[in-house]
Amino acid sequence: MIDVPVSMVMIQEVPVASPRLPADAAAERLRDPAVPALVVCMDGESVVGIVTESDIVAVFAERAGNPALDSFMSRPV
């Protein structure tokens, strides 16, 4: 097993989003290769869920419209 501290590989600045962010806006942010997921935070502080590229693809493949993140984010985190 590799002996590497988590601090050496963790993301320092975690990309966050509001639960009310529309799915298309989240998709635009997730197009950046440096953003693997969006941590969904209430008031920018308490974590309430997480949204990944796969979640966005599933939403647009399965649902009509442009739902807010809180309708499909994974929770609890």
PDB file of N, CA and C in Angstrom:
ATOM      1  N   MET A   1       0.841  -1.178   0.000  1.00  0.00           N
ATOM      2  CA  MET A   1       0.000   0.000   0.000  1.00  0.00           C
ATOM      3  C   MET A   1       0.885   1.240   0.000  1.00  0.00           C
ATOM      4  N   ILE A   2       0.467   2.235  -0.720  1.00  0.00           N
ATOM      5  CA  ILE A   2       1.232   3.480  -0.803  1.00  0.00           C
ATOM      6  C   ILE A   2       1.017   4.289   0.466  1.00  0.00           C
ATOM      7  N   ASP A   3       2.107   4.781   1.025  1.00  0.00           N
ATOM      8  CA  ASP A   3       2.043   5.558   2.257  1.00  0.00           C
ATOM      9  C   ASP A   3       2.134   7.047   1.911  1.00  0.00           C
ATOM     10  N   VAL A   4       0.985   7.624   1.539  1.00  0.00           N
ATOM     11  CA  VAL A   4       0.920   9.036   1.161  1.00  0.00           C
ATOM     12  C   VAL A   4      -0.155   9.705   2.014  1.00  0.00           C
ATOM     13  N   PRO A   5       0.179  10.814   2.658  1.00  0.00           N
ATOM     14  CA  PRO A   5      -0.838  11.515   3.449  1.00  0.00           C
ATOM     15  C   PRO A   5      -1.965  12.045   2.551  1.00  0.00           C
ATOM     16  N   VAL A   6      -3.184  12.016   3.053  1.00  0.00           N
ATOM     17  CA  VAL A   6      -4.335  12.523   2.307  1.00  0.00           C
ATOM     18  C   VAL A   6      -4.108  13.973   1.894  1.00  0.00           C
ATOM     19  N   SER A   7      -3.459  14.745   2.736  1.00  0.00           N
ATOM     20  CA  SER A   7      -3.219  16.163   2.437  1.00  0.00           C
ATOM     21  C   SER A   7      -2.409  16.368   1.163  1.00  0.00           C
ATOM     22  N   MET A   8      -1.674  15.341   0.738  1.00  0.00           N
ATOM     23  CA  MET A   8      -0.870  15.445  -0.487  1.00  0.00           C
ATOM     24  C   MET A   8      -1.713  15.276  -1.752  1.00  0.00           C
ATOM     25  N   VAL A   9      -2.866  14.634  -1.648  1.00  0.00           N
ATOM     26  CA  VAL A   9      -3.670  14.358  -2.841  1.00  0.00           C
ATOM     27  C   VAL A   9      -5.056  15.005  -2.825  1.00  0.00           C
ATOM     28  N   MET A  10      -5.448  15.595  -1.710  1.00  0.00           N
ATOM     29  CA  MET A  10      -6.791  16.170  -1.632  1.00  0.00           C
ATOM     30  C   MET A  10      -6.878  17.496  -2.378  1.00  0.00           C
ATOM     31  N   ILE A  11      -8.082  17.834  -2.782  1.00  0.00           N
ATOM     32  CA  ILE A  11      -8.333  19.121  -3.424  1.00  0.00           C
ATOM     33  C   ILE A  11      -8.363  20.185  -2.337  1.00  0.00           C
ATOM     34  N   GLN A  12      -7.603  21.250  -2.535  1.00  0.00           N
ATOM     35  CA  GLN A  12      -7.532  22.310  -1.533  1.00  0.00           C
ATOM     36  C   GLN A  12      -8.781  23.197  -1.540  1.00  0.00           C
ATOM     37  N   GLU A  13      -9.242  23.569  -2.727  1.00  0.00           N
ATOM     38  CA  GLU A  13     -10.415  24.427  -2.838  1.00  0.00           C
ATOM     39  C   GLU A  13     -11.537  23.628  -3.489  1.00  0.00           C
ATOM     40  N   VAL A  14     -12.491  23.234  -2.689  1.00  0.00           N
ATOM     41  CA  VAL A  14     -13.579  22.384  -3.153  1.00  0.00           C
ATOM     42  C   VAL A  14     -14.620  23.235  -3.884  1.00  0.00           C
ATOM     43  N   PRO A  15     -14.997  22.832  -5.114  1.00  0.00           N
ATOM     44  CA  PRO A  15     -16.032  23.572  -5.835  1.00  0.00           C
ATOM     45  C   PRO A  15     -17.403  23.327  -5.199  1.00  0.00           C
ATOM     46  N   VAL A  16     -18.085  24.407  -4.838  1.00  0.00           N
ATOM     47  CA  VAL A  16     -19.391  24.300  -4.186  1.00  0.00           C
ATOM     48  C   VAL A  16     -20.471  24.936  -5.051  1.00  0.00           C
ATOM     49  N   ALA A  17     -21.711  24.549  -4.772  1.00  0.00           N
ATOM     50  CA  ALA A  17     -22.863  25.094  -5.488  1.00  0.00           C
ATOM     51  C   ALA A  17     -24.056  25.152  -4.549  1.00  0.00           C
ATOM     52  N   SER A  18     -24.980  26.017  -4.871  1.00  0.00           N
ATOM     53  CA  SER A  18     -26.233  26.136  -4.128  1.00  0.00           C
ATOM     54  C   SER A  18     -27.172  25.001  -4.522  1.00  0.00           C
ATOM     55  N   PRO A  19     -28.017  24.540  -3.603  1.00  0.00           N
ATOM     56  CA  PRO A  19     -28.990  23.503  -3.937  1.00  0.00           C
ATOM     57  C   PRO A  19     -29.982  23.956  -5.014  1.00  0.00           C
ATOM     58  N   ARG A  20     -30.150  25.245  -5.190  1.00  0.00           N
ATOM     59  CA  ARG A  20     -31.105  25.783  -6.160  1.00  0.00           C
ATOM     60  C   ARG A  20     -30.463  26.063  -7.518  1.00  0.00           C
ATOM     61  N   LEU A  21     -29.177  25.774  -7.678  1.00  0.00           N
ATOM     62  CA  LEU A  21     -28.507  25.976  -8.963  1.00  0.00           C
ATOM     63  C   LEU A  21     -29.165  25.082 -10.011  1.00  0.00           C
ATOM     64  N   PRO A  22     -29.542  25.632 -11.171  1.00  0.00           N
ATOM     65  CA  PRO A  22     -30.135  24.794 -12.220  1.00  0.00           C
ATOM     66  C   PRO A  22     -29.120  23.787 -12.771  1.00  0.00           C
ATOM     67  N   ALA A  23     -29.625  22.661 -13.221  1.00  0.00           N
ATOM     68  CA  ALA A  23     -28.770  21.587 -13.730  1.00  0.00           C
ATOM     69  C   ALA A  23     -27.885  22.048 -14.883  1.00  0.00           C
ATOM     70  N   ASP A  24     -28.400  22.909 -15.767  1.00  0.00           N
ATOM     71  CA  ASP A  24     -27.573  23.337 -16.901  1.00  0.00           C
ATOM     72  C   ASP A  24     -26.385  24.183 -16.455  1.00  0.00           C
ATOM     73  N   ALA A  25     -26.560  24.974 -15.399  1.00  0.00           N
ATOM     74  CA  ALA A  25     -25.446  25.765 -14.865  1.00  0.00           C
ATOM     75  C   ALA A  25     -24.413  24.852 -14.207  1.00  0.00           C
ATOM     76  N   ALA A  26     -24.888  23.812 -13.514  1.00  0.00           N
ATOM     77  CA  ALA A  26     -23.970  22.837 -12.915  1.00  0.00           C
ATOM     78  C   ALA A  26     -23.200  22.108 -14.008  1.00  0.00           C
ATOM     79  N   ALA A  27     -23.888  21.751 -15.086  1.00  0.00           N
ATOM     80  CA  ALA A  27     -23.236  21.059 -16.203  1.00  0.00           C
ATOM     81  C   ALA A  27     -22.124  21.917 -16.791  1.00  0.00           C
ATOM     82  N   GLU A  28     -22.373  23.195 -16.912  1.00  0.00           N
ATOM     83  CA  GLU A  28     -21.356  24.111 -17.448  1.00  0.00           C
ATOM     84  C   GLU A  28     -20.124  24.126 -16.544  1.00  0.00           C
ATOM     85  N   ARG A  29     -20.320  24.162 -15.238  1.00  0.00           N
ATOM     86  CA  ARG A  29     -19.180  24.158 -14.306  1.00  0.00           C
ATOM     87  C   ARG A  29     -18.429  22.832 -14.352  1.00  0.00           C
ATOM     88  N   LEU A  30     -19.160  21.729 -14.528  1.00  0.00           N
ATOM     89  CA  LEU A  30     -18.537  20.404 -14.554  1.00  0.00           C
ATOM     90  C   LEU A  30     -17.801  20.117 -15.862  1.00  0.00           C
ATOM     91  N   ARG A  31     -17.937  20.980 -16.851  1.00  0.00           N
ATOM     92  CA  ARG A  31     -17.181  20.810 -18.106  1.00  0.00           C
ATOM     93  C   ARG A  31     -15.691  21.023 -17.877  1.00  0.00           C
ATOM     94  N   ASP A  32     -15.344  21.753 -16.824  1.00  0.00           N
ATOM     95  CA  ASP A  32     -13.943  22.012 -16.491  1.00  0.00           C
ATOM     96  C   ASP A  32     -13.324  20.719 -15.951  1.00  0.00           C
ATOM     97  N   PRO A  33     -12.272  20.195 -16.593  1.00  0.00           N
ATOM     98  CA  PRO A  33     -11.651  18.949 -16.121  1.00  0.00           C
ATOM     99  C   PRO A  33     -11.146  19.019 -14.678  1.00  0.00           C
ATOM    100  N   ALA A  34     -10.916  20.219 -14.175  1.00  0.00           N
ATOM    101  CA  ALA A  34     -10.440  20.379 -12.800  1.00  0.00           C
ATOM    102  C   ALA A  34     -11.582  20.282 -11.782  1.00  0.00           C
ATOM    103  N   VAL A  35     -12.824  20.195 -12.265  1.00  0.00           N
ATOM    104  CA  VAL A  35     -13.988  20.124 -11.374  1.00  0.00           C
ATOM    105  C   VAL A  35     -14.663  18.759 -11.557  1.00  0.00           C
ATOM    106  N   PRO A  36     -14.292  17.765 -10.736  1.00  0.00           N
ATOM    107  CA  PRO A  36     -14.861  16.422 -10.879  1.00  0.00           C
ATOM    108  C   PRO A  36     -16.271  16.297 -10.310  1.00  0.00           C
ATOM    109  N   ALA A  37     -16.620  17.208  -9.394  1.00  0.00           N
ATOM    110  CA  ALA A  37     -17.933  17.170  -8.748  1.00  0.00           C
ATOM    111  C   ALA A  37     -18.194  18.523  -8.098  1.00  0.00           C
ATOM    112  N   LEU A  38     -19.454  18.771  -7.789  1.00  0.00           N
ATOM    113  CA  LEU A  38     -19.833  19.973  -7.053  1.00  0.00           C
ATOM    114  C   LEU A  38     -20.391  19.545  -5.704  1.00  0.00           C
ATOM    115  N   VAL A  39     -19.822  20.091  -4.641  1.00  0.00           N
ATOM    116  CA  VAL A  39     -20.352  19.854  -3.308  1.00  0.00           C
ATOM    117  C   VAL A  39     -21.481  20.863  -3.123  1.00  0.00           C
ATOM    118  N   VAL A  40     -22.665  20.364  -2.815  1.00  0.00           N
ATOM    119  CA  VAL A  40     -23.833  21.232  -2.679  1.00  0.00           C
ATOM    120  C   VAL A  40     -23.931  21.673  -1.225  1.00  0.00           C
ATOM    121  N   CYS A  41     -23.899  23.009  -1.033  1.00  0.00           N
ATOM    122  CA  CYS A  41     -23.885  23.576   0.316  1.00  0.00           C
ATOM    123  C   CYS A  41     -25.038  24.547   0.514  1.00  0.00           C
ATOM    124  N   MET A  42     -25.640  24.468   1.675  1.00  0.00           N
ATOM    125  CA  MET A  42     -26.678  25.404   2.069  1.00  0.00           C
ATOM    126  C   MET A  42     -25.994  26.652   2.601  1.00  0.00           C
ATOM    127  N   ASP A  43     -26.293  27.787   2.038  1.00  0.00           N
ATOM    128  CA  ASP A  43     -25.706  29.065   2.452  1.00  0.00           C
ATOM    129  C   ASP A  43     -24.185  29.057   2.378  1.00  0.00           C
ATOM    130  N   GLY A  44     -23.619  28.231   1.490  1.00  0.00           N
ATOM    131  CA  GLY A  44     -22.175  28.184   1.315  1.00  0.00           C
ATOM    132  C   GLY A  44     -21.419  27.540   2.458  1.00  0.00           C
ATOM    133  N   GLU A  45     -22.140  26.940   3.417  1.00  0.00           N
ATOM    134  CA  GLU A  45     -21.462  26.385   4.591  1.00  0.00           C
ATOM    135  C   GLU A  45     -21.748  24.906   4.826  1.00  0.00           C
ATOM    136  N   SER A  46     -22.981  24.556   5.166  1.00  0.00           N
ATOM    137  CA  SER A  46     -23.258  23.160   5.515  1.00  0.00           C
ATOM    138  C   SER A  46     -23.494  22.323   4.260  1.00  0.00           C
ATOM    139  N   VAL A  47     -22.778  21.205   4.187  1.00  0.00           N
ATOM    140  CA  VAL A  47     -22.857  20.303   3.039  1.00  0.00           C
ATOM    141  C   VAL A  47     -24.174  19.533   3.103  1.00  0.00           C
ATOM    142  N   VAL A  48     -24.927  19.581   1.978  1.00  0.00           N
ATOM    143  CA  VAL A  48     -26.211  18.882   1.928  1.00  0.00           C
ATOM    144  C   VAL A  48     -26.261  17.824   0.831  1.00  0.00           C
ATOM    145  N   GLY A  49     -25.229  17.773  -0.034  1.00  0.00           N
ATOM    146  CA  GLY A  49     -25.208  16.778  -1.098  1.00  0.00           C
ATOM    147  C   GLY A  49     -24.005  16.952  -2.002  1.00  0.00           C
ATOM    148  N   ILE A  50     -23.948  16.134  -3.049  1.00  0.00           N
ATOM    149  CA  ILE A  50     -22.866  16.205  -4.031  1.00  0.00           C
ATOM    150  C   ILE A  50     -23.440  15.839  -5.399  1.00  0.00           C
ATOM    151  N   VAL A  51     -22.947  16.503  -6.441  1.00  0.00           N
ATOM    152  CA  VAL A  51     -23.391  16.248  -7.811  1.00  0.00           C
ATOM    153  C   VAL A  51     -22.164  15.980  -8.672  1.00  0.00           C
ATOM    154  N   THR A  52     -22.205  14.888  -9.433  1.00  0.00           N
ATOM    155  CA  THR A  52     -21.103  14.516 -10.321  1.00  0.00           C
ATOM    156  C   THR A  52     -21.537  14.645 -11.781  1.00  0.00           C
ATOM    157  N   GLU A  53     -20.576  14.479 -12.680  1.00  0.00           N
ATOM    158  CA  GLU A  53     -20.890  14.494 -14.113  1.00  0.00           C
ATOM    159  C   GLU A  53     -21.935  13.430 -14.442  1.00  0.00           C
ATOM    160  N   SER A  54     -21.812  12.247 -13.845  1.00  0.00           N
ATOM    161  CA  SER A  54     -22.761  11.161 -14.118  1.00  0.00           C
ATOM    162  C   SER A  54     -24.172  11.545 -13.699  1.00  0.00           C
ATOM    163  N   ASP A  55     -24.299  12.259 -12.583  1.00  0.00           N
ATOM    164  CA  ASP A  55     -25.622  12.708 -12.139  1.00  0.00           C
ATOM    165  C   ASP A  55     -26.251  13.629 -13.181  1.00  0.00           C
ATOM    166  N   ILE A  56     -25.452  14.543 -13.721  1.00  0.00           N
ATOM    167  CA  ILE A  56     -25.947  15.496 -14.719  1.00  0.00           C
ATOM    168  C   ILE A  56     -26.384  14.759 -15.986  1.00  0.00           C
ATOM    169  N   VAL A  57     -25.566  13.825 -16.442  1.00  0.00           N
ATOM    170  CA  VAL A  57     -25.913  13.056 -17.647  1.00  0.00           C
ATOM    171  C   VAL A  57     -27.233  12.314 -17.424  1.00  0.00           C
ATOM    172  N   ALA A  58     -27.383  11.688 -16.271  1.00  0.00           N
ATOM    173  CA  ALA A  58     -28.610  10.944 -15.972  1.00  0.00           C
ATOM    174  C   ALA A  58     -29.825  11.861 -15.957  1.00  0.00           C
ATOM    175  N   VAL A  59     -29.682  13.044 -15.379  1.00  0.00           N
ATOM    176  CA  VAL A  59     -30.799  13.986 -15.305  1.00  0.00           C
ATOM    177  C   VAL A  59     -31.271  14.375 -16.692  1.00  0.00           C
ATOM    178  N   PHE A  60     -30.339  14.739 -17.553  1.00  0.00           N
ATOM    179  CA  PHE A  60     -30.734  15.170 -18.888  1.00  0.00           C
ATOM    180  C   PHE A  60     -31.209  14.003 -19.753  1.00  0.00           C
ATOM    181  N   ALA A  61     -30.747  12.802 -19.469  1.00  0.00           N
ATOM    182  CA  ALA A  61     -31.191  11.634 -20.233  1.00  0.00           C
ATOM    183  C   ALA A  61     -32.582  11.161 -19.789  1.00  0.00           C
ATOM    184  N   GLU A  62     -32.900  11.332 -18.506  1.00  0.00           N
ATOM    185  CA  GLU A  62     -34.126  10.766 -17.946  1.00  0.00           C
ATOM    186  C   GLU A  62     -35.246  11.760 -17.692  1.00  0.00           C
ATOM    187  N   ARG A  63     -34.921  13.025 -17.533  1.00  0.00           N
ATOM    188  CA  ARG A  63     -35.933  13.989 -17.114  1.00  0.00           C
ATOM    189  C   ARG A  63     -36.070  15.128 -18.106  1.00  0.00           C
ATOM    190  N   ALA A  64     -37.258  15.675 -18.161  1.00  0.00           N
ATOM    191  CA  ALA A  64     -37.481  16.872 -18.978  1.00  0.00           C
ATOM    192  C   ALA A  64     -37.195  18.101 -18.114  1.00  0.00           C
ATOM    193  N   GLY A  65     -36.885  19.186 -18.756  1.00  0.00           N
ATOM    194  CA  GLY A  65     -36.686  20.428 -18.031  1.00  0.00           C
ATOM    195  C   GLY A  65     -35.276  20.610 -17.528  1.00  0.00           C
ATOM    196  N   ASN A  66     -35.156  21.520 -16.580  1.00  0.00           N
ATOM    197  CA  ASN A  66     -33.862  21.902 -16.032  1.00  0.00           C
ATOM    198  C   ASN A  66     -33.985  21.978 -14.513  1.00  0.00           C
ATOM    199  N   PRO A  67     -34.021  20.816 -13.839  1.00  0.00           N
ATOM    200  CA  PRO A  67     -34.272  20.804 -12.399  1.00  0.00           C
ATOM    201  C   PRO A  67     -33.122  21.403 -11.590  1.00  0.00           C
ATOM    202  N   ALA A  68     -33.447  21.857 -10.382  1.00  0.00           N
ATOM    203  CA  ALA A  68     -32.436  22.351  -9.445  1.00  0.00           C
ATOM    204  C   ALA A  68     -31.675  21.162  -8.856  1.00  0.00           C
ATOM    205  N   LEU A  69     -30.451  21.424  -8.406  1.00  0.00           N
ATOM    206  CA  LEU A  69     -29.591  20.360  -7.875  1.00  0.00           C
ATOM    207  C   LEU A  69     -30.235  19.593  -6.727  1.00  0.00           C
ATOM    208  N   ASP A  70     -30.999  20.293  -5.870  1.00  0.00           N
ATOM    209  CA  ASP A  70     -31.555  19.598  -4.707  1.00  0.00           C
ATOM    210  C   ASP A  70     -32.582  18.527  -5.074  1.00  0.00           C
ATOM    211  N   SER A  71     -33.003  18.485  -6.337  1.00  0.00           N
ATOM    212  CA  SER A  71     -33.958  17.448  -6.732  1.00  0.00           C
ATOM    213  C   SER A  71     -33.280  16.143  -7.158  1.00  0.00           C
ATOM    214  N   PHE A  72     -31.937  16.162  -7.331  1.00  0.00           N
ATOM    215  CA  PHE A  72     -31.266  14.924  -7.758  1.00  0.00           C
ATOM    216  C   PHE A  72     -29.886  14.696  -7.166  1.00  0.00           C
ATOM    217  N   MET A  73     -29.396  15.567  -6.304  1.00  0.00           N
ATOM    218  CA  MET A  73     -28.057  15.390  -5.719  1.00  0.00           C
ATOM    219  C   MET A  73     -28.027  14.151  -4.837  1.00  0.00           C
ATOM    220  N   SER A  74     -26.839  13.581  -4.650  1.00  0.00           N
ATOM    221  CA  SER A  74     -26.663  12.456  -3.732  1.00  0.00           C
ATOM    222  C   SER A  74     -26.613  13.005  -2.317  1.00  0.00           C
ATOM    223  N   ARG A  75     -27.305  12.352  -1.419  1.00  0.00           N
ATOM    224  CA  ARG A  75     -27.282  12.757  -0.023  1.00  0.00           C
ATOM    225  C   ARG A  75     -27.627  11.577   0.853  1.00  0.00           C
ATOM    226  N   PRO A  76     -27.176  11.561   2.067  1.00  0.00           N
ATOM    227  CA  PRO A  76     -26.249  12.499   2.697  1.00  0.00           C
ATOM    228  C   PRO A  76     -24.832  12.300   2.180  1.00  0.00           C
ATOM    229  N   VAL A  77     -24.007  13.282   2.449  1.00  0.00           N
ATOM    230  CA  VAL A  77     -22.612  13.229   2.003  1.00  0.00           C
ATOM    231  C   VAL A  77     -21.777  12.685   3.132  1.00  0.00           C
TER     232      VAL A  77
END
